[in-house]
Amino acid sequence: MTTHPAKHNLYVYRGATLSEAVTWKDENGIPIDLTGFTARMHMRETMDSATPFLTLTTENGGITLGGAAGTIDILASATATSAITATAGVYDLELVASDTITVTRLLEGIVFISPEVTR
């Protein structure tokens, strides 16, 4: 199955919890079963930046997959967002099938970082 990544900009409020939820559905609106998948997301200042300023994965608890429901929950703690020094960046979200060979880029876009006043 070929999927073109959806364009979705993210807003990160430094010092606040980042919580996003999406559901991957097929062309008929039926959720894709994510059982056996893993997921990964990097946020970088530019596409060419060597080091991400935030990395979220199923392994580090930043992404939770909802199996047959097709849900993808993205979570970064307030502590993690407080540590971000970038003012903006780019990201993508990739899903890795259980065969560990098939990778689908589901989302991509710009990350806007709002500075924290109360700290």
C-alpha atoms as a PDB file:
ATOM      1  CA  MET A   1       0.000   0.000   0.000  1.00  0.00           C
ATOM      2  CA  THR A   2       1.404   3.385  -0.990  1.00  0.00           C
ATOM      3  CA  THR A   3       0.530   6.214   1.327  1.00  0.00           C
ATOM      4  CA  HIS A   4       1.425   9.820   0.677  1.00  0.00           C
ATOM      5  CA  PRO A   5       2.236  11.551   3.951  1.00  0.00           C
ATOM      6  CA  ALA A   6      -0.394  13.937   5.231  1.00  0.00           C
ATOM      7  CA  LYS A   7       0.796  17.484   5.850  1.00  0.00           C
ATOM      8  CA  HIS A   8       0.101  18.467   9.452  1.00  0.00           C
ATOM      9  CA  ASN A   9       1.836  21.249  11.346  1.00  0.00           C
ATOM     10  CA  LEU A  10       2.491  20.769  15.054  1.00  0.00           C
ATOM     11  CA  TYR A  11       2.464  23.394  17.781  1.00  0.00           C
ATOM     12  CA  VAL A  12       4.686  22.706  20.769  1.00  0.00           C
ATOM     13  CA  TYR A  13       4.247  24.900  23.824  1.00  0.00           C
ATOM     14  CA  ARG A  14       7.557  24.860  25.679  1.00  0.00           C
ATOM     15  CA  GLY A  15       7.013  23.665  29.249  1.00  0.00           C
ATOM     16  CA  ALA A  16       3.608  22.100  28.495  1.00  0.00           C
ATOM     17  CA  THR A  17       2.718  18.515  27.676  1.00  0.00           C
ATOM     18  CA  LEU A  18       2.469  17.780  23.946  1.00  0.00           C
ATOM     19  CA  SER A  19      -0.413  15.432  23.208  1.00  0.00           C
ATOM     20  CA  GLU A  20      -1.633  14.607  19.692  1.00  0.00           C
ATOM     21  CA  ALA A  21      -3.846  11.772  18.511  1.00  0.00           C
ATOM     22  CA  VAL A  22      -4.387  10.542  14.962  1.00  0.00           C
ATOM     23  CA  THR A  23      -6.017   7.516  13.378  1.00  0.00           C
ATOM     24  CA  TRP A  24      -4.600   5.853  10.261  1.00  0.00           C
ATOM     25  CA  LYS A  25      -7.460   4.849   7.954  1.00  0.00           C
ATOM     26  CA  ASP A  26      -7.569   3.294   4.517  1.00  0.00           C
ATOM     27  CA  GLU A  27      -9.250   4.897   1.489  1.00  0.00           C
ATOM     28  CA  ASN A  28     -12.622   3.541   2.693  1.00  0.00           C
ATOM     29  CA  GLY A  29     -12.293   5.129   6.129  1.00  0.00           C
ATOM     30  CA  ILE A  30     -11.523   1.816   7.854  1.00  0.00           C
ATOM     31  CA  PRO A  31      -8.770   1.974  10.504  1.00  0.00           C
ATOM     32  CA  ILE A  32      -5.489   0.244   9.608  1.00  0.00           C
ATOM     33  CA  ASP A  33      -4.595  -2.474  12.134  1.00  0.00           C
ATOM     34  CA  LEU A  34      -1.320  -1.379  13.740  1.00  0.00           C
ATOM     35  CA  THR A  35      -0.734  -4.608  15.650  1.00  0.00           C
ATOM     36  CA  GLY A  36       2.960  -5.457  15.389  1.00  0.00           C
ATOM     37  CA  PHE A  37       3.948  -1.992  14.146  1.00  0.00           C
ATOM     38  CA  THR A  38       6.403   0.386  15.799  1.00  0.00           C
ATOM     39  CA  ALA A  39       6.558   4.128  15.265  1.00  0.00           C
ATOM     40  CA  ARG A  40       9.179   6.863  15.334  1.00  0.00           C
ATOM     41  CA  MET A  41       9.170  10.634  15.080  1.00  0.00           C
ATOM     42  CA  HIS A  42      12.053  13.087  14.932  1.00  0.00           C
ATOM     43  CA  MET A  43      11.813  16.855  15.236  1.00  0.00           C
ATOM     44  CA  ARG A  44      14.802  18.811  13.883  1.00  0.00           C
ATOM     45  CA  GLU A  45      15.521  22.500  13.317  1.00  0.00           C
ATOM     46  CA  THR A  46      16.071  21.754   9.617  1.00  0.00           C
ATOM     47  CA  MET A  47      15.922  18.591   7.542  1.00  0.00           C
ATOM     48  CA  ASP A  48      19.729  18.663   7.439  1.00  0.00           C
ATOM     49  CA  SER A  49      20.233  19.089  11.203  1.00  0.00           C
ATOM     50  CA  ALA A  50      22.366  16.244  12.532  1.00  0.00           C
ATOM     51  CA  THR A  51      20.598  15.946  15.879  1.00  0.00           C
ATOM     52  CA  PRO A  52      16.852  15.942  16.582  1.00  0.00           C
ATOM     53  CA  PHE A  53      15.654  18.278  19.322  1.00  0.00           C
ATOM     54  CA  LEU A  54      12.924  15.763  20.189  1.00  0.00           C
ATOM     55  CA  THR A  55      12.697  12.036  19.476  1.00  0.00           C
ATOM     56  CA  LEU A  56       9.496  10.133  20.161  1.00  0.00           C
ATOM     57  CA  THR A  57       9.142   6.387  19.577  1.00  0.00           C
ATOM     58  CA  THR A  58       7.061   3.436  20.678  1.00  0.00           C
ATOM     59  CA  GLU A  59      10.193   2.181  22.450  1.00  0.00           C
ATOM     60  CA  ASN A  60      10.688   5.330  24.554  1.00  0.00           C
ATOM     61  CA  GLY A  61       6.973   5.728  25.353  1.00  0.00           C
ATOM     62  CA  GLY A  62       6.505   8.877  23.260  1.00  0.00           C
ATOM     63  CA  ILE A  63       4.187   7.078  20.819  1.00  0.00           C
ATOM     64  CA  THR A  64       1.475   4.561  21.668  1.00  0.00           C
ATOM     65  CA  LEU A  65      -0.208   2.538  18.936  1.00  0.00           C
ATOM     66  CA  GLY A  66      -3.805   1.370  19.335  1.00  0.00           C
ATOM     67  CA  GLY A  67      -3.693  -1.941  17.450  1.00  0.00           C
ATOM     68  CA  ALA A  68      -6.851  -2.697  15.446  1.00  0.00           C
ATOM     69  CA  ALA A  69      -8.285   0.763  16.211  1.00  0.00           C
ATOM     70  CA  GLY A  70      -5.518   2.343  14.101  1.00  0.00           C
ATOM     71  CA  THR A  71      -4.854   5.043  16.676  1.00  0.00           C
ATOM     72  CA  ILE A  72      -1.525   6.762  17.211  1.00  0.00           C
ATOM     73  CA  ASP A  73      -1.055   8.741  20.420  1.00  0.00           C
ATOM     74  CA  ILE A  74       1.911  11.114  20.545  1.00  0.00           C
ATOM     75  CA  LEU A  75       3.066  12.352  23.933  1.00  0.00           C
ATOM     76  CA  ALA A  76       5.977  14.484  25.123  1.00  0.00           C
ATOM     77  CA  SER A  77       6.215  15.487  28.764  1.00  0.00           C
ATOM     78  CA  ALA A  78       6.375  19.075  29.953  1.00  0.00           C
ATOM     79  CA  THR A  79       9.957  18.347  31.033  1.00  0.00           C
ATOM     80  CA  ALA A  80      10.850  17.236  27.496  1.00  0.00           C
ATOM     81  CA  THR A  81       9.291  20.301  25.866  1.00  0.00           C
ATOM     82  CA  SER A  82      10.991  22.592  28.407  1.00  0.00           C
ATOM     83  CA  ALA A  83      14.356  21.358  27.150  1.00  0.00           C
ATOM     84  CA  ILE A  84      13.674  22.423  23.546  1.00  0.00           C
ATOM     85  CA  THR A  85      15.786  25.421  22.563  1.00  0.00           C
ATOM     86  CA  ALA A  86      14.703  25.568  18.912  1.00  0.00           C
ATOM     87  CA  THR A  87      12.098  28.107  17.851  1.00  0.00           C
ATOM     88  CA  ALA A  88      10.773  26.062  14.924  1.00  0.00           C
ATOM     89  CA  GLY A  89      11.587  22.954  12.956  1.00  0.00           C
ATOM     90  CA  VAL A  90      10.355  20.073  10.845  1.00  0.00           C
ATOM     91  CA  TYR A  91       9.194  16.561  11.688  1.00  0.00           C
ATOM     92  CA  ASP A  92       7.886  13.360  10.255  1.00  0.00           C
ATOM     93  CA  LEU A  93       6.134  10.346  11.717  1.00  0.00           C
ATOM     94  CA  GLU A  94       7.040   6.909  10.380  1.00  0.00           C
ATOM     95  CA  LEU A  95       5.346   3.588  11.026  1.00  0.00           C
ATOM     96  CA  VAL A  96       7.423   0.423  10.732  1.00  0.00           C
ATOM     97  CA  ALA A  97       5.574  -2.801   9.916  1.00  0.00           C
ATOM     98  CA  SER A  98       6.274  -6.025  11.786  1.00  0.00           C
ATOM     99  CA  ASP A  99       8.514  -7.180   8.911  1.00  0.00           C
ATOM    100  CA  THR A 100      10.833  -4.265   9.927  1.00  0.00           C
ATOM    101  CA  ILE A 101      11.367  -3.571   6.218  1.00  0.00           C
ATOM    102  CA  THR A 102       8.161  -1.747   5.297  1.00  0.00           C
ATOM    103  CA  VAL A 103       8.237   1.862   6.499  1.00  0.00           C
ATOM    104  CA  THR A 104       5.374   4.288   5.901  1.00  0.00           C
ATOM    105  CA  ARG A 105       5.756   8.013   6.409  1.00  0.00           C
ATOM    106  CA  LEU A 106       2.293   8.914   7.671  1.00  0.00           C
ATOM    107  CA  LEU A 107       2.698  12.581   8.661  1.00  0.00           C
ATOM    108  CA  GLU A 108       5.137  15.388   8.017  1.00  0.00           C
ATOM    109  CA  GLY A 109       5.196  19.102   8.547  1.00  0.00           C
ATOM    110  CA  ILE A 110       6.488  22.137  10.367  1.00  0.00           C
ATOM    111  CA  VAL A 111       6.880  22.349  14.137  1.00  0.00           C
ATOM    112  CA  PHE A 112       6.193  25.730  15.696  1.00  0.00           C
ATOM    113  CA  ILE A 113       7.647  26.213  19.184  1.00  0.00           C
ATOM    114  CA  SER A 114       5.969  28.720  21.483  1.00  0.00           C
ATOM    115  CA  PRO A 115       8.238  30.029  24.249  1.00  0.00           C
ATOM    116  CA  GLU A 116       7.240  29.611  27.869  1.00  0.00           C
ATOM    117  CA  VAL A 117       6.504  32.701  29.940  1.00  0.00           C
ATOM    118  CA  THR A 118       5.589  30.990  33.219  1.00  0.00           C
ATOM    119  CA  ARG A 119       8.617  29.014  34.410  1.00  0.00           C
END
